[in-house]
Protein backbone atom coordinates (compact mmCIF):
# COMPACT_ATOMS: atom_id res chain seq x y z
CA MET A 1 198.06 270.46 143.06
CA VAL A 2 199.25 267.88 145.57
CA PRO A 3 202.64 267.59 147.25
CA ARG A 4 205.09 265.43 145.36
CA ARG A 5 205.72 261.90 146.62
CA GLN A 6 209.32 262.90 147.32
CA ASP A 7 208.17 265.81 149.53
CA LEU A 8 206.09 263.43 151.66
CA HIS A 9 209.06 261.08 151.80
CA ASP A 10 211.22 263.96 153.03
CA LEU A 11 208.74 264.77 155.79
CA ARG A 12 208.55 261.10 156.81
CA GLY A 13 212.31 260.91 156.73
CA ASP A 14 212.62 263.91 159.02
CA VAL A 15 210.36 262.18 161.54
CA GLY A 16 212.35 258.99 161.33
CA ASP A 17 215.66 260.82 161.57
CA SER A 18 214.56 262.70 164.66
CA ALA A 19 213.42 259.52 166.33
CA ALA A 20 216.71 257.80 165.56
CA GLY A 21 218.93 260.77 166.30
CA GLY A 22 219.22 260.59 170.06
CA VAL A 23 215.77 259.47 171.25
CA PRO A 24 215.81 255.88 172.55
CA SER A 25 213.22 253.69 170.86
CA HIS A 26 211.66 252.76 174.19
CA LEU A 27 210.40 256.34 174.52
CA GLY A 28 207.78 255.46 171.95
CA SER A 29 208.56 258.14 169.35
CA PRO A 30 205.70 258.54 166.90
CA ASP A 31 206.32 256.24 163.92
CA SER A 32 206.39 257.66 160.40
CA VAL A 33 202.95 256.44 159.42
CA THR A 34 201.36 257.85 162.59
CA ALA A 35 203.17 261.15 162.06
CA VAL A 36 201.97 261.54 158.49
CA LEU A 37 198.39 260.67 159.45
CA THR A 38 198.43 263.21 162.31
CA LEU A 39 199.89 265.93 160.10
CA ALA A 40 197.27 265.20 157.47
CA ARG A 41 194.45 265.28 160.04
CA ARG A 42 195.54 268.74 161.16
CA GLY A 43 195.75 270.05 157.60
CA LEU A 44 199.54 270.23 157.26
CA LEU A 45 199.67 267.94 154.22
CA ALA A 46 196.94 269.73 152.29
CA PRO A 47 197.61 270.28 148.58
CA GLY A 48 199.97 273.11 147.75
CA LEU A 49 201.90 274.58 144.86
CA PRO A 50 204.88 272.26 144.21
CA HIS A 51 207.46 275.04 144.32
CA ARG A 52 206.05 276.30 147.62
CA VAL A 53 206.12 272.83 149.16
CA ALA A 54 209.67 272.26 147.90
CA SER A 55 210.79 275.61 149.36
CA GLN A 56 209.13 274.74 152.66
CA VAL A 57 210.94 271.41 152.96
CA LEU A 58 214.24 273.00 151.88
CA ALA A 59 213.94 275.71 154.56
CA LEU A 60 213.47 273.08 157.25
CA ARG A 61 216.39 271.03 155.96
CA ARG A 62 218.70 274.06 155.87
CA TRP A 63 217.60 275.91 159.01
CA GLY A 64 216.21 273.17 161.22
CA PHE A 65 213.04 273.04 163.29
CA GLY A 66 213.83 275.81 165.78
CA LEU A 67 211.87 279.06 165.86
CA GLY A 68 213.86 280.64 163.02
CA GLY A 69 213.59 277.59 160.80
CA SER A 70 209.87 277.21 161.48
CA LEU A 71 209.33 280.86 160.53
CA LEU A 72 211.27 280.51 157.27
CA SER A 73 209.41 277.29 156.45
CA ALA A 74 206.02 278.95 157.00
CA ALA A 75 207.07 281.99 154.96
CA ALA A 76 208.21 279.77 152.10
CA ARG A 77 204.89 277.90 151.97
CA SER A 78 202.46 280.74 152.82
CA PRO A 79 204.26 284.07 152.33
CA GLY A 80 201.11 286.18 152.14
CA ALA A 81 199.31 284.62 155.09
CA VAL A 82 198.96 286.75 158.22
CA ALA A 83 201.59 285.59 160.70
CA LEU A 84 201.19 287.99 163.60
CA ILE A 85 198.75 290.54 164.97
CA ASP A 86 199.68 292.76 167.90
CA PRO A 87 198.88 296.35 168.97
CA SER A 88 201.16 297.65 166.20
CA GLY A 89 199.16 295.94 163.46
CA SER A 90 199.51 292.79 161.38
CA LEU A 91 202.43 291.19 159.56
CA SER A 92 202.42 288.55 156.84
CA TYR A 93 204.82 285.63 157.09
CA ASP A 94 206.99 287.14 154.38
CA ALA A 95 207.05 290.52 156.16
CA LEU A 96 207.94 288.82 159.45
CA ARG A 97 210.70 286.91 157.69
CA ARG A 98 212.15 290.10 156.22
CA LEU A 99 211.99 291.91 159.57
CA SER A 100 213.67 288.94 161.29
CA PHE A 101 216.51 288.98 158.77
CA ALA A 102 216.91 292.74 159.22
CA ALA A 103 216.89 292.32 163.01
CA ALA A 104 219.52 289.60 162.75
CA GLY A 105 221.63 291.89 160.56
CA ARG A 106 221.40 294.70 163.10
CA LEU A 107 222.31 292.42 166.01
CA ARG A 108 225.30 291.12 164.06
CA SER A 109 226.62 294.40 162.67
CA SER A 110 225.90 296.77 165.58
CA HIS A 111 226.41 294.46 168.52
CA GLY A 112 228.62 291.69 167.18
CA ILE A 113 226.14 288.95 168.05
CA GLY A 114 226.95 285.61 166.48
CA PRO A 115 226.83 281.86 167.03
CA GLY A 116 227.11 280.81 170.66
CA ASP A 117 226.52 284.28 172.13
CA ARG A 118 223.87 284.63 174.81
CA VAL A 119 221.34 287.45 174.60
CA GLY A 120 218.62 288.24 177.13
CA VAL A 121 215.07 288.93 175.95
CA LEU A 122 213.04 290.99 178.41
CA CYS A 123 209.83 291.65 176.50
CA ARG A 124 206.10 291.26 176.85
CA ASN A 125 203.93 289.53 174.26
CA HIS A 126 204.39 291.55 171.06
CA ARG A 127 206.38 291.51 167.85
CA GLY A 128 209.52 292.73 169.61
CA PHE A 129 209.76 289.43 171.49
CA VAL A 130 209.10 287.39 168.34
CA LEU A 131 211.67 289.28 166.27
CA SER A 132 214.26 289.02 169.04
CA ALA A 133 213.83 285.27 169.47
CA ALA A 134 213.60 284.52 165.74
CA SER A 135 216.62 286.62 164.76
CA LEU A 136 218.76 285.09 167.51
CA SER A 137 217.74 281.64 166.32
CA LEU A 138 218.82 282.52 162.77
CA LEU A 139 222.17 283.82 164.02
CA GLY A 140 222.88 280.71 166.07
CA ALA A 141 222.84 282.76 169.29
CA ASP A 142 221.14 281.61 172.49
CA ALA A 143 218.06 283.52 173.65
CA VAL A 144 217.75 283.73 177.44
CA LEU A 145 214.08 284.46 178.14
CA ILE A 146 213.78 286.77 181.15
CA ASN A 147 210.64 286.89 183.29
CA THR A 148 209.02 290.30 182.98
CA GLY A 149 208.15 290.10 186.67
CA PHE A 150 211.79 290.03 187.77
CA SER A 151 213.16 292.92 189.79
CA PRO A 152 216.17 294.88 188.46
CA SER A 153 218.44 292.99 190.86
CA GLN A 154 217.12 289.65 189.58
CA VAL A 155 217.69 290.75 185.98
CA ALA A 156 221.23 291.80 186.89
CA SER A 157 221.75 288.35 188.42
CA VAL A 158 220.59 286.68 185.20
CA VAL A 159 222.97 288.87 183.18
CA ARG A 160 225.86 287.88 185.42
CA GLU A 161 225.11 284.17 185.81
CA HIS A 162 224.44 283.55 182.13
CA GLY A 163 227.18 285.77 180.72
CA LEU A 164 224.83 287.81 178.53
CA ARG A 165 226.39 289.99 175.84
CA LEU A 166 223.25 292.01 175.24
CA VAL A 167 219.73 292.46 176.62
CA VAL A 168 216.84 293.33 174.31
CA HIS A 169 214.20 294.98 176.50
CA ASP A 170 210.92 296.85 176.37
CA PRO A 171 211.13 300.58 177.22
CA GLU A 172 209.16 300.03 180.46
CA PHE A 173 212.00 297.95 181.88
CA PRO A 174 215.23 299.72 182.86
CA ALA A 175 218.32 298.67 180.97
CA PRO A 176 220.43 296.46 183.25
CA PRO A 177 223.85 297.85 184.16
CA SER A 178 227.16 296.36 183.02
CA VAL A 179 225.80 294.95 179.76
CA ALA A 180 224.87 296.37 176.36
CA ALA A 181 221.14 296.96 175.91
CA LEU A 182 218.81 297.49 172.98
CA VAL A 183 215.19 298.65 173.12
CA SER A 184 212.96 296.04 171.48
CA SER A 185 211.19 298.54 169.21
CA ALA A 186 214.48 299.08 167.38
CA LEU A 187 214.21 295.58 165.93
CA SER A 188 210.76 296.31 164.49
CA SER A 189 211.87 299.21 162.32
CA GLY A 190 213.21 297.03 159.53
CA GLY A 191 216.34 297.69 157.54
CA PRO A 192 218.24 296.67 154.43
CA ASP A 193 218.20 293.07 153.22
CA VAL A 194 220.99 291.01 154.70
CA SER A 195 222.52 287.72 153.70
CA LEU A 196 222.43 284.97 156.31
CA SER A 197 223.65 281.43 156.16
CA PRO A 198 222.47 278.67 158.49
CA PRO A 199 224.75 278.56 161.55
CA ALA A 200 226.73 275.41 162.26
CA ARG A 201 224.77 275.05 165.49
CA PRO A 202 221.21 276.43 165.67
CA GLY A 203 220.53 278.98 168.36
CA ARG A 204 219.07 277.51 171.53
CA THR A 205 216.61 278.83 174.06
CA VAL A 206 217.28 279.13 177.79
CA VAL A 207 214.09 279.27 179.85
CA LEU A 208 214.26 280.36 183.48
CA THR A 209 212.32 278.22 185.94
CA SER A 210 209.56 279.95 187.87
CA GLY A 211 211.54 280.18 191.09
CA THR A 212 208.46 279.55 193.27
CA THR A 213 210.52 277.33 195.57
CA GLY A 214 213.90 279.03 195.28
CA VAL A 215 216.26 280.94 192.96
CA PRO A 216 215.26 280.58 189.27
CA LYS A 217 217.52 278.25 187.29
CA GLY A 218 218.30 278.48 183.60
CA ALA A 219 217.05 275.42 181.68
CA ARG A 220 218.66 274.84 178.29
CA ARG A 221 215.94 273.89 175.81
CA PRO A 222 216.83 271.77 172.76
CA ASN A 223 215.63 272.57 169.27
CA PRO A 224 213.28 270.00 167.76
CA ALA A 225 215.17 267.53 165.58
CA GLY A 226 212.16 266.93 163.35
CA VAL A 227 208.38 267.11 163.30
CA GLY A 228 208.06 264.52 166.09
CA PRO A 229 207.37 267.06 168.87
CA LEU A 230 204.77 268.81 166.69
CA VAL A 231 203.10 265.46 166.03
CA SER A 232 203.04 264.62 169.74
CA ILE A 233 201.17 267.80 170.66
CA LEU A 234 198.81 267.68 167.67
CA ASP A 235 197.97 264.10 168.61
CA ARG A 236 196.02 265.42 171.61
CA LEU A 237 195.40 269.08 170.76
CA PRO A 238 192.94 269.62 167.87
CA VAL A 239 194.33 272.82 166.36
CA ARG A 240 194.68 273.05 162.60
CA THR A 241 196.85 274.76 160.07
CA ARG A 242 196.11 278.41 159.21
CA SER A 243 194.05 278.86 162.39
CA ARG A 244 194.12 282.04 164.49
CA LEU A 245 195.68 281.47 167.89
CA LEU A 246 195.56 284.02 170.69
CA ILE A 247 198.60 283.47 172.93
CA ALA A 248 197.88 285.09 176.29
CA ALA A 249 200.40 282.96 178.20
CA PRO A 250 203.71 284.82 178.61
CA LEU A 251 206.07 284.09 175.73
CA PHE A 252 209.04 284.01 178.10
CA HIS A 253 207.56 280.90 179.73
CA THR A 254 207.90 277.39 178.30
CA TRP A 255 204.15 277.20 177.57
CA GLY A 256 203.88 280.52 175.75
CA TYR A 257 207.06 279.87 173.77
CA ALA A 258 205.86 276.37 172.85
CA ALA A 259 202.57 277.86 171.64
CA LEU A 260 204.52 280.25 169.40
CA GLN A 261 206.56 277.38 167.94
CA LEU A 262 203.39 275.35 167.42
CA ALA A 263 201.70 278.27 165.66
CA PHE A 264 204.60 278.74 163.24
CA GLY A 265 204.66 275.00 162.60
CA LEU A 266 200.97 275.22 161.67
CA ARG A 267 201.44 278.40 159.61
CA SER A 268 198.84 279.96 161.87
CA CYS A 269 198.16 283.57 162.70
CA VAL A 270 199.49 284.50 166.14
CA VAL A 271 197.48 287.13 168.03
CA LEU A 272 199.38 288.75 170.90
CA THR A 273 198.46 291.10 173.72
CA PRO A 274 201.15 292.58 175.97
CA ARG A 275 198.87 292.71 179.02
CA PHE A 276 196.04 290.47 180.12
CA SER A 277 192.62 291.56 181.23
CA PRO A 278 189.44 289.48 180.91
CA SER A 279 187.51 292.06 178.89
CA SER A 280 190.35 292.88 176.50
CA LEU A 281 191.09 289.21 175.89
CA VAL A 282 187.46 288.48 174.99
CA GLU A 283 187.30 291.55 172.75
CA LEU A 284 190.54 290.59 171.00
CA ALA A 285 189.45 286.99 170.44
CA GLY A 286 186.15 288.17 168.96
CA ARG A 287 187.59 290.91 166.79
CA HIS A 288 190.14 288.59 165.18
CA ARG A 289 187.88 285.51 165.12
CA CYS A 290 190.39 283.42 167.03
CA ASP A 291 190.01 279.64 166.90
CA GLY A 292 192.25 278.88 169.87
CA LEU A 293 193.43 280.43 173.12
CA PHE A 294 196.66 279.52 174.90
CA ALA A 295 196.53 280.69 178.50
CA VAL A 296 197.48 279.85 182.09
CA PRO A 297 194.83 278.58 184.54
CA VAL A 298 194.56 281.76 186.59
CA MET A 299 193.39 283.57 183.45
CA LEU A 300 190.41 281.23 183.22
CA SER A 301 189.57 282.03 186.82
CA ARG A 302 189.71 285.75 186.07
CA LEU A 303 187.43 285.31 183.04
CA LEU A 304 184.83 283.54 185.16
CA ASP A 305 185.10 286.09 187.97
CA ALA A 306 184.47 288.89 185.49
CA ASP A 307 181.54 287.05 183.84
CA CYS A 308 183.37 287.30 180.51
CA VAL A 309 182.39 284.75 177.86
CA LEU A 310 184.68 283.84 175.01
CA PRO A 311 183.28 284.17 171.47
CA PRO A 312 181.93 280.99 169.85
CA SER A 313 184.79 280.99 167.33
CA VAL A 314 187.14 279.75 170.10
CA ARG A 315 187.01 275.96 169.87
CA VAL A 316 190.20 275.15 171.79
CA VAL A 317 191.32 276.65 175.11
CA ALA A 318 194.68 275.12 176.03
CA VAL A 319 196.19 275.84 179.44
CA SER A 320 199.42 274.94 181.17
CA GLY A 321 202.08 276.59 183.31
CA SER A 322 200.49 275.90 186.71
CA ALA A 323 198.05 273.48 188.30
CA LEU A 324 194.48 273.52 186.97
CA PRO A 325 192.10 272.95 189.92
CA GLY A 326 189.42 270.40 189.09
CA SER A 327 186.63 272.72 190.21
CA LEU A 328 187.92 275.45 187.87
CA ALA A 329 188.01 273.03 184.93
CA THR A 330 184.39 272.01 185.53
CA ARG A 331 183.16 275.59 186.03
CA PHE A 332 184.91 276.78 182.89
CA MET A 333 183.47 274.03 180.70
CA ASP A 334 180.01 274.58 182.17
CA ALA A 335 180.28 278.20 181.01
CA HIS A 336 182.14 277.76 177.70
CA GLY A 337 181.49 274.21 176.54
CA GLU A 338 183.78 271.26 175.88
CA VAL A 339 186.75 273.29 174.68
CA LEU A 340 189.24 272.97 177.53
CA PHE A 341 192.54 271.10 177.21
CA ASN A 342 195.06 270.94 180.05
CA LEU A 343 198.71 270.20 179.30
CA TYR A 344 200.82 269.00 182.21
CA GLY A 345 204.56 269.38 181.90
CA SER A 346 207.52 271.35 183.15
CA THR A 347 210.41 273.45 181.91
CA GLU A 348 212.59 270.34 182.16
CA VAL A 349 210.41 267.75 180.38
CA SER A 350 208.31 270.02 178.14
CA TRP A 351 205.09 268.00 178.08
CA ALA A 352 204.05 264.88 179.96
CA SER A 353 200.31 264.52 179.36
CA VAL A 354 197.29 266.30 177.94
CA ALA A 355 193.79 266.16 179.41
CA THR A 356 190.99 266.49 176.87
CA PRO A 357 187.52 267.80 177.78
CA SER A 358 186.27 264.22 178.13
CA ASP A 359 189.19 263.41 180.44
CA LEU A 360 188.38 266.45 182.57
CA ARG A 361 184.69 265.58 182.73
CA ALA A 362 185.49 262.03 183.81
CA SER A 363 188.15 263.12 186.31
CA PRO A 364 188.39 266.91 186.79
CA ALA A 365 191.66 266.67 188.72
CA SER A 366 193.27 264.54 186.02
CA ALA A 367 196.32 265.65 184.06
CA GLY A 368 195.25 263.44 181.17
CA ARG A 369 197.19 260.92 179.16
CA PRO A 370 200.64 261.01 177.54
CA PRO A 371 200.51 261.86 173.83
CA ARG A 372 202.20 259.66 171.24
CA GLY A 373 205.95 259.60 171.63
CA THR A 374 205.82 260.27 175.37
CA ARG A 375 206.51 257.85 178.20
CA VAL A 376 205.32 258.45 181.77
CA GLN A 377 206.19 256.24 184.71
CA ILE A 378 205.48 256.48 188.43
CA LEU A 379 208.44 255.31 190.46
CA SER A 380 209.10 254.71 194.13
CA ALA A 381 211.93 256.39 196.02
CA SER A 382 214.13 253.40 195.11
CA GLY A 383 213.32 253.74 191.40
CA ALA A 384 210.94 250.80 191.11
CA PRO A 385 207.62 251.14 189.24
CA VAL A 386 204.59 251.34 191.55
CA PRO A 387 201.14 249.83 190.91
CA ALA A 388 198.23 251.82 189.48
CA GLY A 389 196.69 254.13 192.05
CA VAL A 390 199.85 254.34 194.17
CA VAL A 391 201.52 257.74 194.55
CA GLY A 392 205.13 258.02 193.49
CA ARG A 393 207.60 260.25 191.67
CA ILE A 394 206.62 261.24 188.12
CA PHE A 395 209.22 260.54 185.43
CA VAL A 396 208.81 261.54 181.79
CA GLY A 397 210.59 260.71 178.55
CA ASN A 398 210.04 262.40 175.18
CA GLU A 399 211.94 264.07 172.35
CA MET A 400 212.14 267.46 174.04
CA LEU A 401 213.74 266.75 177.42
CA PHE A 402 215.88 269.71 178.36
CA GLU A 403 219.67 269.59 178.08
CA GLY A 404 220.36 270.54 181.69
CA TYR A 405 220.50 273.54 183.98
CA SER A 406 223.01 276.31 183.59
CA GLY A 407 225.70 275.77 186.19
CA ASP A 408 225.34 271.96 185.97
CA VAL A 409 222.73 271.65 188.70
CA PRO A 410 222.04 267.90 189.10
CA VAL A 411 218.87 266.43 187.62
CA SER A 412 217.04 263.26 188.70
CA SER A 413 216.86 260.77 185.85
CA HIS A 414 215.98 257.13 185.33
CA ASP A 415 216.19 254.96 182.23
CA GLY A 416 216.24 257.89 179.82
CA MET A 417 213.48 259.78 181.67
CA LEU A 418 213.60 262.90 183.84
CA ALA A 419 211.77 263.62 187.08
CA THR A 420 209.25 266.45 186.94
CA GLY A 421 209.65 267.15 190.65
CA ASP A 422 206.01 266.17 191.23
CA LEU A 423 204.33 263.24 192.90
CA GLY A 424 201.32 261.54 191.35
CA PHE A 425 199.70 258.31 190.23
CA LEU A 426 198.31 256.57 187.16
CA SER A 427 194.84 255.06 187.11
CA GLU A 428 194.10 251.61 185.72
CA SER A 429 192.98 253.29 182.50
CA GLY A 430 196.19 255.33 182.20
CA LEU A 431 194.99 258.74 183.41
CA LEU A 432 197.66 260.69 185.25
CA THR A 433 196.82 262.63 188.42
CA VAL A 434 199.36 264.99 189.96
CA SER A 435 199.24 265.01 193.76
CA GLY A 436 201.67 267.89 194.28
CA ARG A 437 205.31 268.91 194.38
CA GLU A 438 207.76 266.55 196.05
CA ASP A 439 209.00 269.37 198.24
CA ASP A 440 205.45 270.56 199.06
CA MET A 441 204.24 267.37 200.73
CA VAL A 442 203.48 267.93 204.40
CA ILE A 443 204.03 265.23 207.05
CA SER A 444 201.70 265.98 209.94
CA GLY A 445 201.61 263.53 212.84
CA GLY A 446 203.07 260.84 210.58
CA GLU A 447 200.45 261.33 207.84
CA ASN A 448 201.38 262.46 204.33
CA VAL A 449 199.23 265.39 203.20
CA PHE A 450 199.31 267.03 199.78
CA PRO A 451 198.35 270.72 200.02
CA SER A 452 196.98 270.65 196.46
CA SER A 453 194.25 268.17 197.45
CA VAL A 454 193.13 270.48 200.26
CA GLU A 455 193.24 273.44 197.88
CA ASP A 456 190.95 271.60 195.47
CA LEU A 457 188.48 270.93 198.30
CA LEU A 458 188.42 274.56 199.40
CA ALA A 459 188.20 275.87 195.83
CA GLY A 460 184.74 274.35 195.69
CA LEU A 461 183.55 276.10 198.84
CA PRO A 462 181.05 278.87 197.96
CA GLY A 463 182.58 282.31 198.35
CA VAL A 464 186.19 281.17 197.87
CA ARG A 465 187.90 282.85 194.94
CA GLU A 466 191.32 281.24 195.37
CA VAL A 467 193.27 279.46 198.07
CA ALA A 468 196.78 278.28 198.87
CA VAL A 469 197.69 275.70 201.52
CA VAL A 470 201.19 275.33 202.97
CA GLY A 471 202.89 273.44 205.76
CA VAL A 472 204.19 275.31 208.81
CA PRO A 473 206.26 273.98 211.74
CA ASP A 474 204.34 272.47 214.66
CA ALA A 475 205.86 271.48 218.02
CA SER A 476 203.54 268.49 218.48
CA TYR A 477 202.94 267.17 214.96
CA GLY A 478 206.12 268.24 213.15
CA GLN A 479 204.07 270.22 210.63
CA ARG A 480 200.51 271.49 210.36
CA LEU A 481 198.52 272.96 207.51
CA ALA A 482 197.85 276.66 207.06
CA ALA A 483 195.27 277.88 204.53
CA PHE A 484 195.40 281.31 202.90
CA VAL A 485 191.96 282.11 201.51
CA VAL A 486 190.86 284.87 199.13
CA LEU A 487 187.11 285.51 199.07
CA HIS A 488 184.97 286.88 196.28
CA GLU A 489 184.20 290.54 196.91
CA SER A 490 180.46 289.93 196.62
CA SER A 491 180.37 286.79 198.76
CA SER A 492 179.00 286.50 202.27
CA PRO A 493 181.54 286.46 205.09
CA LEU A 494 183.18 283.10 205.73
CA SER A 495 184.66 282.04 209.06
CA ALA A 496 187.74 279.97 209.76
CA ASP A 497 185.54 277.31 211.38
CA GLU A 498 183.46 277.03 208.19
CA VAL A 499 186.65 276.47 206.21
CA ARG A 500 187.80 273.74 208.60
CA ASP A 501 184.36 272.10 208.69
CA HIS A 502 184.26 271.91 204.90
CA VAL A 503 187.57 270.03 204.80
CA ARG A 504 186.52 267.84 207.74
CA GLN A 505 183.32 266.82 205.95
CA HIS A 506 184.88 266.16 202.55
CA GLY A 507 188.46 265.16 203.33
CA ALA A 508 190.64 263.33 205.81
CA ARG A 509 190.83 264.42 209.44
CA PHE A 510 194.57 265.06 209.22
CA ALA A 511 194.01 267.33 206.17
CA VAL A 512 192.07 269.95 208.15
CA PRO A 513 194.07 273.23 208.24
CA ARG A 514 194.56 274.41 211.81
CA ASP A 515 195.48 277.90 210.65
CA VAL A 516 193.14 279.83 208.34
CA HIS A 517 194.15 283.29 207.08
CA PHE A 518 191.88 285.48 204.96
CA VAL A 519 194.00 287.58 202.60
CA PRO A 520 193.14 290.06 199.82
CA SER A 521 195.21 288.22 197.18
CA LEU A 522 197.83 285.53 196.66
CA PRO A 523 201.35 286.35 195.47
CA ARG A 524 201.79 284.86 192.01
CA THR A 525 204.37 284.65 189.27
CA ALA A 526 203.60 286.01 185.81
CA THR A 527 202.39 282.53 184.81
CA GLY A 528 199.98 282.31 187.73
CA LYS A 529 201.92 280.02 190.06
CA VAL A 530 201.46 280.88 193.72
CA ILE A 531 204.72 281.91 195.39
CA LYS A 532 204.16 279.96 198.58
CA ARG A 533 207.37 281.01 200.29
CA ALA A 534 206.01 284.58 200.24
CA LEU A 535 203.09 283.45 202.42
CA LEU A 536 205.27 282.19 205.27
């Protein structure tokens, strides 16, 4: 049976409503026809039982397009489909729905959690995280996603600054003082059926920035107002409904959480692993015949270092969360085929562009092109657009711009767009290249140097496993470059002069690092970003 005409009209109407409900038309929101065609291409408008389709649309209309609403919609359409696989086993969409309702009932009855309350989620990638986030969404409470790499003092700071009423945490993490705490496994035990009504305001998600350049800030994420955001990502990312998606990126990060939302929107099976290792990831992807992998770039590097090859079932490897070096993109595709997609974005703007395998082959350092419904502009310091090929500040507009930082930290905006905090340029053909962070640019002897460009050069030097370049004070030049190099264990020794010569031969004279330090590893966040302040 096919969906009724009215059901398709409802879906088109939701797209149109979301585009009209707060997103300026100049942001290029996907039109209704484009949205329907994209959804059909990805299998979301495939024939279904009329009562299932009607229940699916009704769930979205009642509960919205947040995590809770997406889960209920998927459960209404495909109740018996496998929704989640983790070390504790598998759950169907209907079972996950029932557990989420029971978890919401427990949070409400035992801890008094309701609309507007803020609850911390300190969990690794497993069903405890999913149940926590989904149940809070259903209750209308705000989930504050806490980095599992935070120290106890940092967690205590998050509790204090965000006014948390409760923290749901894994047993390995100590319960923070001065706030109620609940071990995540308690939400997985089920319970009696509870009655829930859609809250007046859907629960929101607060994502903490990585804090690589300072104290992490809480970014308030909006809930999707329709299927527009789903359409934008599916426009560039060829994942289909009912696929099996292994999410290795941390769920507490914008990228991992977005992958979870995308999976529920596709009624896909989510495969989770609490801890990453190259061998276990490959084994897991093969055992569950995963079609897609959502990861962060450093995981690809670790796979290559360990000579681990993904199974042929994996047709899409989507990465985000930190910069993807061009040399890594090329090496990975040489080993695994044309499966790599790189999404550039930030906690504040969600997505800005997506590089397809053909984009990465043509320009390995490219961040790709904006998907439908996304506007990217490169602006000068005065706010004027700059010509193609000229470096400037990157501004992005789409339907999922964040609502602001907790504590009302100011945000740079222009004409309905937000600054990503990065500098970059657009090519004549529209490819975006990110040069580096605004606050990372080094001025040495009057010359502007982007450490990321030097890092890309050194990443291609034989024997180099990973590298970070930073600016340090210099009495004569104002600043000079310092390179921190990690070598492969099996590589031949490399000297500081060889490092400098490589940059001198392939880059600008003023980009040669005067200081070269060989270190055993680089300090990184849980999403793979290098914590450069820890190197100084």
